[in-house]
Amino acid sequence: SDCSTTSSSETNVASPVDRSSCSDSAVDGASTQAEATRGAECGGGCEKAQKRYIFEVGCGVGNTVFPMLRTNNDPNFFVYCCDFSSTAIDIVRASKEFEPSRCNAFVCDVSSPDAAFPMAAGSLDVVIMIFVLSALRPDKMAAAIQRLSRLLKPGGMLLFRDYGFHDLAQLRFKPGRCLGENFYVRGDGTRVYFFKQGDTPCATFFFRKFN
């Protein structure tokens, strides 16, 4: 496939993203909508003390997890988080802000068919993936999403944010870094995919599962 990219006046260049700056409002909105859905399903008779479970995939060192925990003081709010890197999870667990009673941090490769999760199927309100899908091989994305979707409650939400086609990061890649169409390898060996709207490797799954 042709891995070359060119910049033009019509190119949409994504601005630098601060992971922590977008997390809280997105999660609060998703949790509120999921809670409203549950309330409608039970005719408004549900207990207000119902637990809310959030799962962040690819949590890194907690740049999204800890702001969520600081913002949401509700004792019924619980966060699961995982990362491929055991070093990152060690840093999360060693943080002064980490509370095992409110957060479960674990190592997991969500692209693996053998991925194991500590939560039950159908137990999560929200799954968050921020710059995670792009790090997976394109042929493994749909299976990873399907694996995670089984963990969601009815009415639960999977939220993701990622790189778009002709993002400035893509335009800056030097020759020899392209592994496939819109799929590159960085100098540290990590990989990144740049999504086109309506042309994602997992678009078919999203359409069938969530529409």
N, C-alpha and C. Protein backbone atom coordinates (compact mmCIF):
# COMPACT_ATOMS: atom_id res chain seq x y z
N SER A 1 0.83 -1.20 0.00
CA SER A 1 0.00 0.00 0.00
C SER A 1 0.86 1.24 0.00
N ASP A 2 0.30 2.34 -0.45
CA ASP A 2 1.02 3.60 -0.53
C ASP A 2 1.01 4.28 0.83
N CYS A 3 2.20 4.41 1.43
CA CYS A 3 2.29 4.96 2.78
C CYS A 3 2.62 6.44 2.78
N SER A 4 2.72 7.06 1.63
CA SER A 4 3.13 8.47 1.59
C SER A 4 1.98 9.36 2.00
N THR A 5 2.31 10.49 2.63
CA THR A 5 1.30 11.48 2.99
C THR A 5 1.78 12.84 2.52
N THR A 6 0.86 13.67 2.12
CA THR A 6 1.21 15.02 1.68
C THR A 6 0.31 16.01 2.38
N SER A 7 0.86 17.15 2.69
CA SER A 7 0.08 18.19 3.35
C SER A 7 -0.48 19.13 2.29
N SER A 8 -1.69 19.60 2.50
CA SER A 8 -2.30 20.54 1.57
C SER A 8 -3.13 21.53 2.36
N SER A 9 -3.70 22.50 1.66
CA SER A 9 -4.50 23.51 2.33
C SER A 9 -5.76 22.92 2.91
N GLU A 10 -6.19 21.71 2.42
CA GLU A 10 -7.41 21.09 2.89
C GLU A 10 -7.15 20.10 4.02
N THR A 11 -5.89 19.92 4.38
CA THR A 11 -5.55 18.94 5.41
C THR A 11 -6.00 19.43 6.78
N ASN A 12 -6.67 18.56 7.51
CA ASN A 12 -7.04 18.86 8.89
C ASN A 12 -5.92 18.41 9.79
N VAL A 13 -5.23 19.32 10.43
CA VAL A 13 -4.12 18.99 11.31
C VAL A 13 -4.60 19.08 12.74
N ALA A 14 -4.54 17.97 13.45
CA ALA A 14 -5.02 17.95 14.83
C ALA A 14 -4.07 18.72 15.72
N SER A 15 -4.63 19.46 16.66
CA SER A 15 -3.81 20.19 17.61
C SER A 15 -3.34 19.25 18.70
N PRO A 16 -2.23 19.58 19.40
CA PRO A 16 -1.75 18.74 20.49
C PRO A 16 -2.84 18.52 21.52
N VAL A 17 -2.89 17.32 22.07
CA VAL A 17 -3.96 16.95 23.00
C VAL A 17 -3.41 16.72 24.39
N ASP A 18 -4.04 17.31 25.38
CA ASP A 18 -3.75 17.07 26.79
C ASP A 18 -4.72 16.00 27.27
N ARG A 19 -4.19 14.80 27.59
CA ARG A 19 -5.05 13.69 27.98
C ARG A 19 -5.96 14.05 29.13
N SER A 20 -5.43 14.73 30.13
CA SER A 20 -6.21 14.97 31.34
C SER A 20 -7.28 16.04 31.14
N SER A 21 -7.08 16.91 30.15
CA SER A 21 -7.99 18.04 30.01
C SER A 21 -9.36 17.64 29.48
N CYS A 22 -9.46 16.49 28.78
CA CYS A 22 -10.73 16.13 28.17
C CYS A 22 -11.42 15.00 28.90
N SER A 23 -10.78 14.43 29.89
CA SER A 23 -11.29 13.21 30.47
C SER A 23 -12.52 13.39 31.33
N ASP A 24 -12.47 14.37 32.25
CA ASP A 24 -13.50 14.48 33.26
C ASP A 24 -14.88 14.75 32.67
N SER A 25 -14.97 15.72 31.75
CA SER A 25 -16.27 16.07 31.20
C SER A 25 -16.83 14.93 30.39
N ALA A 26 -15.96 14.21 29.66
CA ALA A 26 -16.44 13.09 28.84
C ALA A 26 -16.99 11.99 29.71
N VAL A 27 -16.25 11.66 30.79
CA VAL A 27 -16.69 10.58 31.67
C VAL A 27 -17.94 10.96 32.43
N ASP A 28 -17.99 12.23 32.93
CA ASP A 28 -19.18 12.68 33.67
C ASP A 28 -20.41 12.61 32.79
N GLY A 29 -20.27 13.07 31.53
CA GLY A 29 -21.40 13.06 30.62
C GLY A 29 -21.85 11.65 30.30
N ALA A 30 -20.88 10.74 30.09
CA ALA A 30 -21.22 9.36 29.78
C ALA A 30 -21.89 8.68 30.95
N SER A 31 -21.36 8.91 32.15
CA SER A 31 -21.94 8.30 33.34
C SER A 31 -23.36 8.80 33.58
N THR A 32 -23.58 10.12 33.36
CA THR A 32 -24.92 10.70 33.55
C THR A 32 -25.91 10.09 32.58
N GLN A 33 -25.48 9.94 31.32
CA GLN A 33 -26.38 9.37 30.32
C GLN A 33 -26.67 7.92 30.62
N ALA A 34 -25.64 7.16 31.03
CA ALA A 34 -25.86 5.76 31.37
C ALA A 34 -26.80 5.63 32.56
N GLU A 35 -26.65 6.53 33.54
CA GLU A 35 -27.52 6.50 34.71
C GLU A 35 -28.96 6.84 34.32
N ALA A 36 -29.13 7.81 33.41
CA ALA A 36 -30.47 8.17 32.96
C ALA A 36 -31.13 7.01 32.22
N THR A 37 -30.32 6.29 31.44
CA THR A 37 -30.84 5.13 30.72
C THR A 37 -31.34 4.07 31.68
N ARG A 38 -30.55 3.81 32.72
CA ARG A 38 -30.96 2.81 33.71
C ARG A 38 -32.23 3.25 34.42
N GLY A 39 -32.33 4.58 34.74
CA GLY A 39 -33.51 5.09 35.42
C GLY A 39 -34.76 4.91 34.58
N ALA A 40 -34.64 5.15 33.27
CA ALA A 40 -35.79 5.00 32.38
C ALA A 40 -36.22 3.54 32.29
N GLU A 41 -35.23 2.64 32.29
CA GLU A 41 -35.53 1.21 32.17
C GLU A 41 -36.29 0.69 33.38
N CYS A 42 -36.05 1.26 34.56
CA CYS A 42 -36.71 0.74 35.76
C CYS A 42 -37.81 1.69 36.25
N GLY A 43 -38.22 2.61 35.38
CA GLY A 43 -39.34 3.48 35.71
C GLY A 43 -39.04 4.47 36.80
N GLY A 44 -37.76 4.80 36.99
CA GLY A 44 -37.38 5.79 38.00
C GLY A 44 -37.34 5.23 39.41
N GLY A 45 -37.49 3.90 39.54
CA GLY A 45 -37.51 3.32 40.87
C GLY A 45 -36.19 2.75 41.34
N CYS A 46 -35.13 2.99 40.59
CA CYS A 46 -33.83 2.44 40.96
C CYS A 46 -33.26 3.17 42.18
N GLU A 47 -32.46 2.47 42.94
CA GLU A 47 -31.84 3.09 44.10
C GLU A 47 -30.75 4.05 43.65
N LYS A 48 -30.67 5.20 44.31
CA LYS A 48 -29.68 6.20 43.95
C LYS A 48 -28.27 5.74 44.29
N ALA A 49 -28.15 4.75 45.15
CA ALA A 49 -26.83 4.31 45.59
C ALA A 49 -26.22 3.26 44.66
N GLN A 50 -26.77 3.10 43.48
CA GLN A 50 -26.27 2.10 42.55
C GLN A 50 -24.83 2.43 42.15
N LYS A 51 -23.98 1.40 42.16
CA LYS A 51 -22.57 1.57 41.82
C LYS A 51 -22.40 1.95 40.36
N ARG A 52 -21.41 2.79 40.10
CA ARG A 52 -21.03 3.13 38.74
C ARG A 52 -19.59 2.67 38.52
N TYR A 53 -19.39 1.91 37.46
CA TYR A 53 -18.08 1.34 37.18
C TYR A 53 -17.53 1.87 35.87
N ILE A 54 -16.32 2.44 35.94
CA ILE A 54 -15.62 2.97 34.78
C ILE A 54 -14.36 2.14 34.56
N PHE A 55 -14.01 1.90 33.30
CA PHE A 55 -12.80 1.14 32.98
C PHE A 55 -12.00 1.91 31.94
N GLU A 56 -10.79 2.34 32.32
CA GLU A 56 -9.91 2.98 31.34
C GLU A 56 -8.89 1.97 30.84
N VAL A 57 -8.85 1.78 29.53
CA VAL A 57 -7.88 0.90 28.89
C VAL A 57 -6.70 1.75 28.43
N GLY A 58 -5.49 1.30 28.75
CA GLY A 58 -4.30 2.07 28.40
C GLY A 58 -4.15 3.29 29.28
N CYS A 59 -4.17 3.06 30.59
CA CYS A 59 -4.20 4.17 31.56
C CYS A 59 -2.86 4.87 31.73
N GLY A 60 -1.77 4.26 31.26
CA GLY A 60 -0.46 4.87 31.48
C GLY A 60 -0.18 5.01 32.97
N VAL A 61 0.29 6.18 33.38
CA VAL A 61 0.63 6.41 34.79
C VAL A 61 -0.50 7.09 35.56
N GLY A 62 -1.70 7.10 34.99
CA GLY A 62 -2.86 7.61 35.73
C GLY A 62 -3.28 9.03 35.42
N ASN A 63 -2.88 9.56 34.27
CA ASN A 63 -3.20 10.96 33.94
C ASN A 63 -4.69 11.20 33.72
N THR A 64 -5.45 10.16 33.49
CA THR A 64 -6.90 10.28 33.40
C THR A 64 -7.57 9.73 34.65
N VAL A 65 -7.06 8.62 35.15
CA VAL A 65 -7.65 7.95 36.32
C VAL A 65 -7.70 8.86 37.55
N PHE A 66 -6.58 9.47 37.88
CA PHE A 66 -6.55 10.26 39.12
C PHE A 66 -7.42 11.52 39.06
N PRO A 67 -7.46 12.24 37.94
CA PRO A 67 -8.42 13.35 37.88
C PRO A 67 -9.87 12.88 38.02
N MET A 68 -10.20 11.71 37.48
CA MET A 68 -11.55 11.18 37.65
C MET A 68 -11.85 10.92 39.11
N LEU A 69 -10.91 10.33 39.81
CA LEU A 69 -11.12 10.01 41.23
C LEU A 69 -11.20 11.27 42.08
N ARG A 70 -10.41 12.29 41.72
CA ARG A 70 -10.46 13.55 42.46
C ARG A 70 -11.78 14.26 42.25
N THR A 71 -12.31 14.19 41.04
CA THR A 71 -13.54 14.90 40.69
C THR A 71 -14.78 14.21 41.23
N ASN A 72 -14.76 12.89 41.26
CA ASN A 72 -15.92 12.11 41.68
C ASN A 72 -15.69 11.53 43.07
N ASN A 73 -16.24 12.17 44.07
CA ASN A 73 -16.08 11.71 45.46
C ASN A 73 -17.16 10.74 45.90
N ASP A 74 -18.07 10.41 45.00
CA ASP A 74 -19.15 9.48 45.31
C ASP A 74 -18.56 8.12 45.69
N PRO A 75 -18.89 7.58 46.87
CA PRO A 75 -18.35 6.28 47.28
C PRO A 75 -18.81 5.15 46.37
N ASN A 76 -19.84 5.38 45.56
CA ASN A 76 -20.33 4.36 44.64
C ASN A 76 -19.68 4.45 43.26
N PHE A 77 -18.67 5.29 43.14
CA PHE A 77 -17.94 5.46 41.88
C PHE A 77 -16.64 4.66 41.97
N PHE A 78 -16.45 3.69 41.05
CA PHE A 78 -15.27 2.82 41.08
C PHE A 78 -14.62 2.79 39.71
N VAL A 79 -13.29 2.86 39.71
CA VAL A 79 -12.54 2.89 38.45
C VAL A 79 -11.62 1.67 38.34
N TYR A 80 -11.75 0.97 37.23
CA TYR A 80 -10.78 -0.05 36.83
C TYR A 80 -9.85 0.60 35.81
N CYS A 81 -8.59 0.21 35.82
CA CYS A 81 -7.68 0.72 34.80
C CYS A 81 -6.61 -0.32 34.50
N CYS A 82 -6.20 -0.37 33.25
CA CYS A 82 -5.17 -1.33 32.88
C CYS A 82 -4.21 -0.71 31.88
N ASP A 83 -3.05 -1.32 31.77
CA ASP A 83 -2.07 -0.90 30.78
C ASP A 83 -1.23 -2.11 30.40
N PHE A 84 -0.69 -2.09 29.19
CA PHE A 84 0.19 -3.15 28.71
C PHE A 84 1.50 -3.16 29.50
N SER A 85 1.90 -1.99 29.99
CA SER A 85 3.17 -1.83 30.69
C SER A 85 3.03 -2.08 32.19
N SER A 86 3.77 -3.06 32.69
CA SER A 86 3.76 -3.33 34.14
C SER A 86 4.40 -2.18 34.91
N THR A 87 5.36 -1.49 34.28
CA THR A 87 6.00 -0.34 34.93
C THR A 87 4.99 0.77 35.16
N ALA A 88 4.14 1.03 34.17
CA ALA A 88 3.12 2.07 34.31
C ALA A 88 2.15 1.73 35.44
N ILE A 89 1.74 0.47 35.52
CA ILE A 89 0.80 0.05 36.57
C ILE A 89 1.46 0.15 37.94
N ASP A 90 2.74 -0.17 38.04
CA ASP A 90 3.46 -0.02 39.31
C ASP A 90 3.45 1.43 39.77
N ILE A 91 3.60 2.36 38.81
CA ILE A 91 3.60 3.79 39.14
C ILE A 91 2.21 4.21 39.63
N VAL A 92 1.16 3.73 38.98
CA VAL A 92 -0.20 4.05 39.41
C VAL A 92 -0.42 3.55 40.84
N ARG A 93 -0.06 2.32 41.10
CA ARG A 93 -0.29 1.73 42.43
C ARG A 93 0.55 2.40 43.52
N ALA A 94 1.70 2.95 43.12
CA ALA A 94 2.59 3.59 44.11
C ALA A 94 2.18 5.03 44.41
N SER A 95 1.26 5.58 43.63
CA SER A 95 0.85 6.97 43.83
C SER A 95 0.11 7.15 45.16
N LYS A 96 0.29 8.32 45.76
CA LYS A 96 -0.42 8.65 47.00
C LYS A 96 -1.92 8.73 46.78
N GLU A 97 -2.33 8.97 45.53
CA GLU A 97 -3.75 9.10 45.22
C GLU A 97 -4.43 7.75 44.96
N PHE A 98 -3.66 6.70 44.87
CA PHE A 98 -4.25 5.39 44.58
C PHE A 98 -4.90 4.80 45.82
N GLU A 99 -6.18 4.48 45.69
CA GLU A 99 -6.93 3.87 46.79
C GLU A 99 -7.54 2.56 46.29
N PRO A 100 -7.07 1.41 46.78
CA PRO A 100 -7.61 0.12 46.32
C PRO A 100 -9.12 -0.02 46.52
N SER A 101 -9.67 0.74 47.46
CA SER A 101 -11.12 0.67 47.68
C SER A 101 -11.91 1.39 46.59
N ARG A 102 -11.22 2.22 45.79
CA ARG A 102 -11.88 2.98 44.73
C ARG A 102 -11.33 2.69 43.34
N CYS A 103 -10.23 1.95 43.27
CA CYS A 103 -9.57 1.74 41.99
C CYS A 103 -8.85 0.40 41.95
N ASN A 104 -8.94 -0.28 40.83
CA ASN A 104 -8.24 -1.54 40.61
C ASN A 104 -7.38 -1.37 39.37
N ALA A 105 -6.05 -1.36 39.55
CA ALA A 105 -5.12 -1.19 38.44
C ALA A 105 -4.43 -2.52 38.14
N PHE A 106 -4.42 -2.92 36.88
CA PHE A 106 -3.85 -4.23 36.55
C PHE A 106 -3.22 -4.20 35.16
N VAL A 107 -2.31 -5.13 34.92
CA VAL A 107 -1.63 -5.26 33.64
C VAL A 107 -2.49 -6.10 32.71
N CYS A 108 -2.65 -5.64 31.47
CA CYS A 108 -3.47 -6.40 30.52
C CYS A 108 -3.16 -5.97 29.09
N ASP A 109 -3.10 -6.94 28.20
CA ASP A 109 -2.98 -6.68 26.76
C ASP A 109 -4.34 -6.97 26.14
N VAL A 110 -5.12 -5.92 25.88
CA VAL A 110 -6.50 -6.11 25.40
C VAL A 110 -6.56 -6.65 23.98
N SER A 111 -5.42 -6.65 23.28
CA SER A 111 -5.41 -7.18 21.92
C SER A 111 -5.24 -8.69 21.90
N SER A 112 -4.92 -9.27 23.07
CA SER A 112 -4.71 -10.72 23.15
C SER A 112 -6.01 -11.47 23.33
N PRO A 113 -6.20 -12.58 22.62
CA PRO A 113 -7.40 -13.41 22.82
C PRO A 113 -7.49 -13.97 24.24
N ASP A 114 -6.34 -14.02 24.92
CA ASP A 114 -6.29 -14.56 26.29
C ASP A 114 -6.41 -13.48 27.35
N ALA A 115 -6.75 -12.26 26.95
CA ALA A 115 -6.87 -11.16 27.92
C ALA A 115 -7.88 -11.51 29.01
N ALA A 116 -7.46 -11.33 30.27
CA ALA A 116 -8.33 -11.63 31.42
C ALA A 116 -8.66 -10.34 32.15
N PHE A 117 -9.91 -10.22 32.57
CA PHE A 117 -10.38 -9.01 33.25
C PHE A 117 -10.94 -9.35 34.63
N PRO A 118 -10.72 -8.48 35.62
CA PRO A 118 -11.19 -8.75 36.98
C PRO A 118 -12.68 -8.46 37.18
N MET A 119 -13.30 -7.79 36.23
CA MET A 119 -14.73 -7.47 36.36
C MET A 119 -15.57 -8.47 35.57
N ALA A 120 -16.82 -8.60 35.97
CA ALA A 120 -17.73 -9.54 35.31
C ALA A 120 -18.26 -8.96 34.01
N ALA A 121 -18.66 -9.82 33.11
CA ALA A 121 -19.30 -9.38 31.87
C ALA A 121 -20.59 -8.63 32.22
N GLY A 122 -20.87 -7.58 31.47
CA GLY A 122 -22.09 -6.80 31.69
C GLY A 122 -22.11 -5.98 32.96
N SER A 123 -20.93 -5.58 33.45
CA SER A 123 -20.88 -4.86 34.74
C SER A 123 -20.44 -3.40 34.64
N LEU A 124 -19.97 -2.97 33.48
CA LEU A 124 -19.39 -1.62 33.36
C LEU A 124 -20.36 -0.62 32.76
N ASP A 125 -20.28 0.63 33.26
CA ASP A 125 -21.06 1.72 32.69
C ASP A 125 -20.34 2.36 31.50
N VAL A 126 -19.03 2.52 31.64
CA VAL A 126 -18.25 3.21 30.61
C VAL A 126 -16.89 2.54 30.44
N VAL A 127 -16.46 2.37 29.18
CA VAL A 127 -15.10 1.97 28.86
C VAL A 127 -14.46 3.13 28.11
N ILE A 128 -13.26 3.53 28.54
CA ILE A 128 -12.56 4.67 27.94
C ILE A 128 -11.28 4.18 27.27
N MET A 129 -11.06 4.63 26.04
CA MET A 129 -9.82 4.31 25.32
C MET A 129 -9.30 5.61 24.70
N ILE A 130 -8.26 6.18 25.29
CA ILE A 130 -7.68 7.43 24.79
C ILE A 130 -6.31 7.14 24.17
N PHE A 131 -6.22 7.30 22.87
CA PHE A 131 -5.00 6.99 22.12
C PHE A 131 -4.53 5.55 22.39
N VAL A 132 -5.47 4.63 22.35
CA VAL A 132 -5.17 3.21 22.59
C VAL A 132 -5.38 2.39 21.32
N LEU A 133 -6.53 2.57 20.67
CA LEU A 133 -6.81 1.80 19.46
C LEU A 133 -5.70 1.96 18.43
N SER A 134 -5.18 3.15 18.29
CA SER A 134 -4.16 3.42 17.28
C SER A 134 -2.87 2.65 17.54
N ALA A 135 -2.66 2.20 18.77
CA ALA A 135 -1.44 1.46 19.10
C ALA A 135 -1.56 -0.03 18.77
N LEU A 136 -2.78 -0.47 18.45
CA LEU A 136 -2.99 -1.87 18.11
C LEU A 136 -2.82 -2.10 16.62
N ARG A 137 -2.49 -3.32 16.26
CA ARG A 137 -2.47 -3.67 14.85
C ARG A 137 -3.89 -3.54 14.29
N PRO A 138 -4.04 -2.97 13.11
CA PRO A 138 -5.39 -2.78 12.56
C PRO A 138 -6.22 -4.05 12.51
N ASP A 139 -5.58 -5.20 12.27
CA ASP A 139 -6.34 -6.45 12.17
C ASP A 139 -6.76 -7.00 13.53
N LYS A 140 -6.35 -6.33 14.62
CA LYS A 140 -6.73 -6.78 15.96
C LYS A 140 -7.71 -5.82 16.65
N MET A 141 -7.99 -4.68 16.01
CA MET A 141 -8.82 -3.66 16.65
C MET A 141 -10.24 -4.13 16.92
N ALA A 142 -10.89 -4.68 15.90
CA ALA A 142 -12.29 -5.07 16.05
C ALA A 142 -12.47 -6.13 17.13
N ALA A 143 -11.55 -7.11 17.19
CA ALA A 143 -11.64 -8.15 18.20
C ALA A 143 -11.46 -7.58 19.60
N ALA A 144 -10.56 -6.61 19.74
CA ALA A 144 -10.33 -5.98 21.04
C ALA A 144 -11.58 -5.24 21.50
N ILE A 145 -12.23 -4.51 20.58
CA ILE A 145 -13.44 -3.78 20.92
C ILE A 145 -14.56 -4.74 21.30
N GLN A 146 -14.68 -5.83 20.57
CA GLN A 146 -15.71 -6.82 20.87
C GLN A 146 -15.48 -7.42 22.26
N ARG A 147 -14.22 -7.68 22.59
CA ARG A 147 -13.85 -8.22 23.90
C ARG A 147 -14.30 -7.25 25.01
N LEU A 148 -14.05 -5.97 24.80
CA LEU A 148 -14.38 -4.96 25.80
C LEU A 148 -15.88 -4.70 25.87
N SER A 149 -16.56 -4.80 24.74
CA SER A 149 -18.00 -4.51 24.73
C SER A 149 -18.79 -5.52 25.56
N ARG A 150 -18.26 -6.72 25.71
CA ARG A 150 -18.94 -7.74 26.52
C ARG A 150 -18.98 -7.35 27.99
N LEU A 151 -18.10 -6.45 28.39
CA LEU A 151 -18.03 -6.03 29.79
C LEU A 151 -19.06 -4.94 30.12
N LEU A 152 -19.66 -4.33 29.11
CA LEU A 152 -20.58 -3.22 29.32
C LEU A 152 -21.98 -3.68 29.73
N LYS A 153 -22.60 -2.87 30.60
CA LYS A 153 -24.00 -3.06 30.93
C LYS A 153 -24.86 -2.70 29.72
N PRO A 154 -26.10 -3.14 29.67
CA PRO A 154 -27.01 -2.63 28.65
C PRO A 154 -27.10 -1.10 28.76
N GLY A 155 -26.90 -0.40 27.67
CA GLY A 155 -26.89 1.05 27.71
C GLY A 155 -25.54 1.64 28.05
N GLY A 156 -24.53 0.78 28.31
CA GLY A 156 -23.19 1.28 28.60
C GLY A 156 -22.54 1.89 27.37
N MET A 157 -21.45 2.62 27.59
CA MET A 157 -20.82 3.36 26.51
C MET A 157 -19.34 3.05 26.40
N LEU A 158 -18.85 2.94 25.17
CA LEU A 158 -17.42 2.84 24.91
C LEU A 158 -16.99 4.14 24.25
N LEU A 159 -16.10 4.87 24.93
CA LEU A 159 -15.63 6.16 24.43
C LEU A 159 -14.19 6.04 23.97
N PHE A 160 -13.89 6.54 22.77
CA PHE A 160 -12.48 6.54 22.37
C PHE A 160 -12.12 7.83 21.66
N ARG A 161 -10.87 8.20 21.84
CA ARG A 161 -10.32 9.38 21.18
C ARG A 161 -8.97 8.97 20.62
N ASP A 162 -8.70 9.38 19.37
CA ASP A 162 -7.46 8.90 18.76
C ASP A 162 -6.99 9.80 17.64
N TYR A 163 -5.90 9.40 17.00
CA TYR A 163 -5.30 10.18 15.93
C TYR A 163 -6.12 10.09 14.65
N GLY A 164 -6.19 11.22 13.92
CA GLY A 164 -6.88 11.25 12.65
C GLY A 164 -5.90 11.35 11.49
N PHE A 165 -6.37 10.95 10.34
CA PHE A 165 -5.59 11.01 9.11
C PHE A 165 -5.07 12.43 8.88
N HIS A 166 -3.77 12.53 8.53
CA HIS A 166 -3.08 13.79 8.30
C HIS A 166 -2.92 14.61 9.58
N ASP A 167 -2.99 13.93 10.73
CA ASP A 167 -2.59 14.57 11.98
C ASP A 167 -1.13 15.03 11.81
N LEU A 168 -0.76 16.08 12.49
CA LEU A 168 0.60 16.60 12.37
C LEU A 168 1.63 15.52 12.70
N ALA A 169 1.30 14.64 13.66
CA ALA A 169 2.22 13.57 14.02
C ALA A 169 2.48 12.64 12.84
N GLN A 170 1.47 12.41 12.00
CA GLN A 170 1.64 11.56 10.82
C GLN A 170 2.52 12.24 9.78
N LEU A 171 2.29 13.51 9.58
CA LEU A 171 3.05 14.25 8.57
C LEU A 171 4.53 14.36 8.93
N ARG A 172 4.84 14.23 10.20
CA ARG A 172 6.23 14.37 10.65
C ARG A 172 7.03 13.07 10.57
N PHE A 173 6.37 11.94 10.28
CA PHE A 173 7.10 10.68 10.21
C PHE A 173 8.08 10.70 9.05
N LYS A 174 9.28 10.19 9.30
CA LYS A 174 10.31 10.14 8.27
C LYS A 174 10.15 8.88 7.43
N PRO A 175 10.71 8.88 6.23
CA PRO A 175 10.63 7.70 5.37
C PRO A 175 11.18 6.46 6.08
N GLY A 176 10.58 5.32 5.80
CA GLY A 176 11.02 4.07 6.40
C GLY A 176 10.28 3.69 7.66
N ARG A 177 9.37 4.57 8.12
CA ARG A 177 8.62 4.31 9.36
C ARG A 177 7.22 3.73 9.10
N CYS A 178 6.85 3.60 7.85
CA CYS A 178 5.51 3.15 7.51
C CYS A 178 5.43 1.63 7.44
N LEU A 179 4.47 1.05 8.17
CA LEU A 179 4.28 -0.40 8.19
C LEU A 179 3.14 -0.85 7.28
N GLY A 180 2.25 0.08 6.96
CA GLY A 180 1.09 -0.21 6.14
C GLY A 180 0.33 1.08 5.93
N GLU A 181 -0.83 1.00 5.31
CA GLU A 181 -1.59 2.21 5.03
C GLU A 181 -1.98 2.92 6.33
N ASN A 182 -1.45 4.12 6.52
CA ASN A 182 -1.72 4.94 7.72
C ASN A 182 -1.26 4.30 9.02
N PHE A 183 -0.34 3.35 8.95
CA PHE A 183 0.14 2.62 10.12
C PHE A 183 1.66 2.75 10.18
N TYR A 184 2.18 3.27 11.31
CA TYR A 184 3.59 3.62 11.42
C TYR A 184 4.21 3.05 12.70
N VAL A 185 5.54 3.03 12.71
CA VAL A 185 6.27 2.65 13.92
C VAL A 185 7.14 3.82 14.35
N ARG A 186 7.08 4.14 15.65
CA ARG A 186 7.88 5.23 16.20
C ARG A 186 9.31 4.75 16.48
N GLY A 187 10.16 5.69 16.83
CA GLY A 187 11.54 5.36 17.14
C GLY A 187 11.70 4.44 18.33
N ASP A 188 10.73 4.48 19.27
CA ASP A 188 10.82 3.63 20.46
C ASP A 188 10.19 2.25 20.23
N GLY A 189 9.74 1.99 19.01
CA GLY A 189 9.17 0.69 18.70
C GLY A 189 7.66 0.61 18.83
N THR A 190 7.03 1.62 19.44
CA THR A 190 5.56 1.62 19.54
C THR A 190 4.96 1.97 18.18
N ARG A 191 3.73 1.50 17.98
CA ARG A 191 3.08 1.69 16.69
C ARG A 191 1.91 2.65 16.80
N VAL A 192 1.54 3.23 15.67
CA VAL A 192 0.42 4.19 15.69
C VAL A 192 -0.32 4.13 14.36
N TYR A 193 -1.63 4.09 14.46
CA TYR A 193 -2.50 4.10 13.28
C TYR A 193 -3.25 5.43 13.24
N PHE A 194 -3.43 5.98 12.04
CA PHE A 194 -4.14 7.25 11.87
C PHE A 194 -5.48 6.97 11.17
N PHE A 195 -6.57 7.26 11.87
CA PHE A 195 -7.91 6.90 11.41
C PHE A 195 -8.47 7.88 10.39
N LYS A 196 -9.19 7.35 9.40
CA LYS A 196 -10.00 8.15 8.50
C LYS A 196 -11.45 7.99 8.92
N GLN A 197 -12.22 9.07 8.88
CA GLN A 197 -13.62 9.00 9.25
C GLN A 197 -14.37 8.07 8.29
N GLY A 198 -15.08 7.10 8.87
CA GLY A 198 -15.84 6.16 8.06
C GLY A 198 -14.99 5.10 7.40
N ASP A 199 -13.70 5.07 7.69
CA ASP A 199 -12.81 4.12 7.04
C ASP A 199 -11.92 3.42 8.05
N THR A 200 -12.40 3.29 9.31
CA THR A 200 -11.60 2.64 10.35
C THR A 200 -11.69 1.14 10.19
N PRO A 201 -10.65 0.42 10.58
CA PRO A 201 -10.67 -1.04 10.48
C PRO A 201 -11.78 -1.67 11.32
N CYS A 202 -12.29 -0.94 12.32
CA CYS A 202 -13.32 -1.50 13.20
C CYS A 202 -14.68 -0.85 12.97
N ALA A 203 -14.83 -0.08 11.89
CA ALA A 203 -16.09 0.64 11.66
C ALA A 203 -17.27 -0.30 11.53
N THR A 204 -17.06 -1.44 10.87
CA THR A 204 -18.15 -2.40 10.68
C THR A 204 -18.66 -2.91 12.01
N PHE A 205 -17.73 -3.18 12.95
CA PHE A 205 -18.16 -3.66 14.26
C PHE A 205 -18.93 -2.60 15.00
N PHE A 206 -18.44 -1.36 14.99
CA PHE A 206 -19.13 -0.27 15.67
C PHE A 206 -20.55 -0.12 15.15
N PHE A 207 -20.70 -0.20 13.83
CA PHE A 207 -22.02 -0.01 13.24
C PHE A 207 -22.98 -1.12 13.66
N ARG A 208 -22.52 -2.36 13.62
CA ARG A 208 -23.39 -3.49 13.93
C ARG A 208 -23.72 -3.57 15.42
N LYS A 209 -22.74 -3.22 16.26
CA LYS A 209 -22.92 -3.41 17.70
C LYS A 209 -23.67 -2.26 18.34
N PHE A 210 -23.43 -1.04 17.93
CA PHE A 210 -23.90 0.12 18.68
C PHE A 210 -24.98 0.92 17.95
N ASN A 211 -25.47 0.42 16.79
CA ASN A 211 -26.53 1.12 16.09
C ASN A 211 -27.75 0.22 15.93
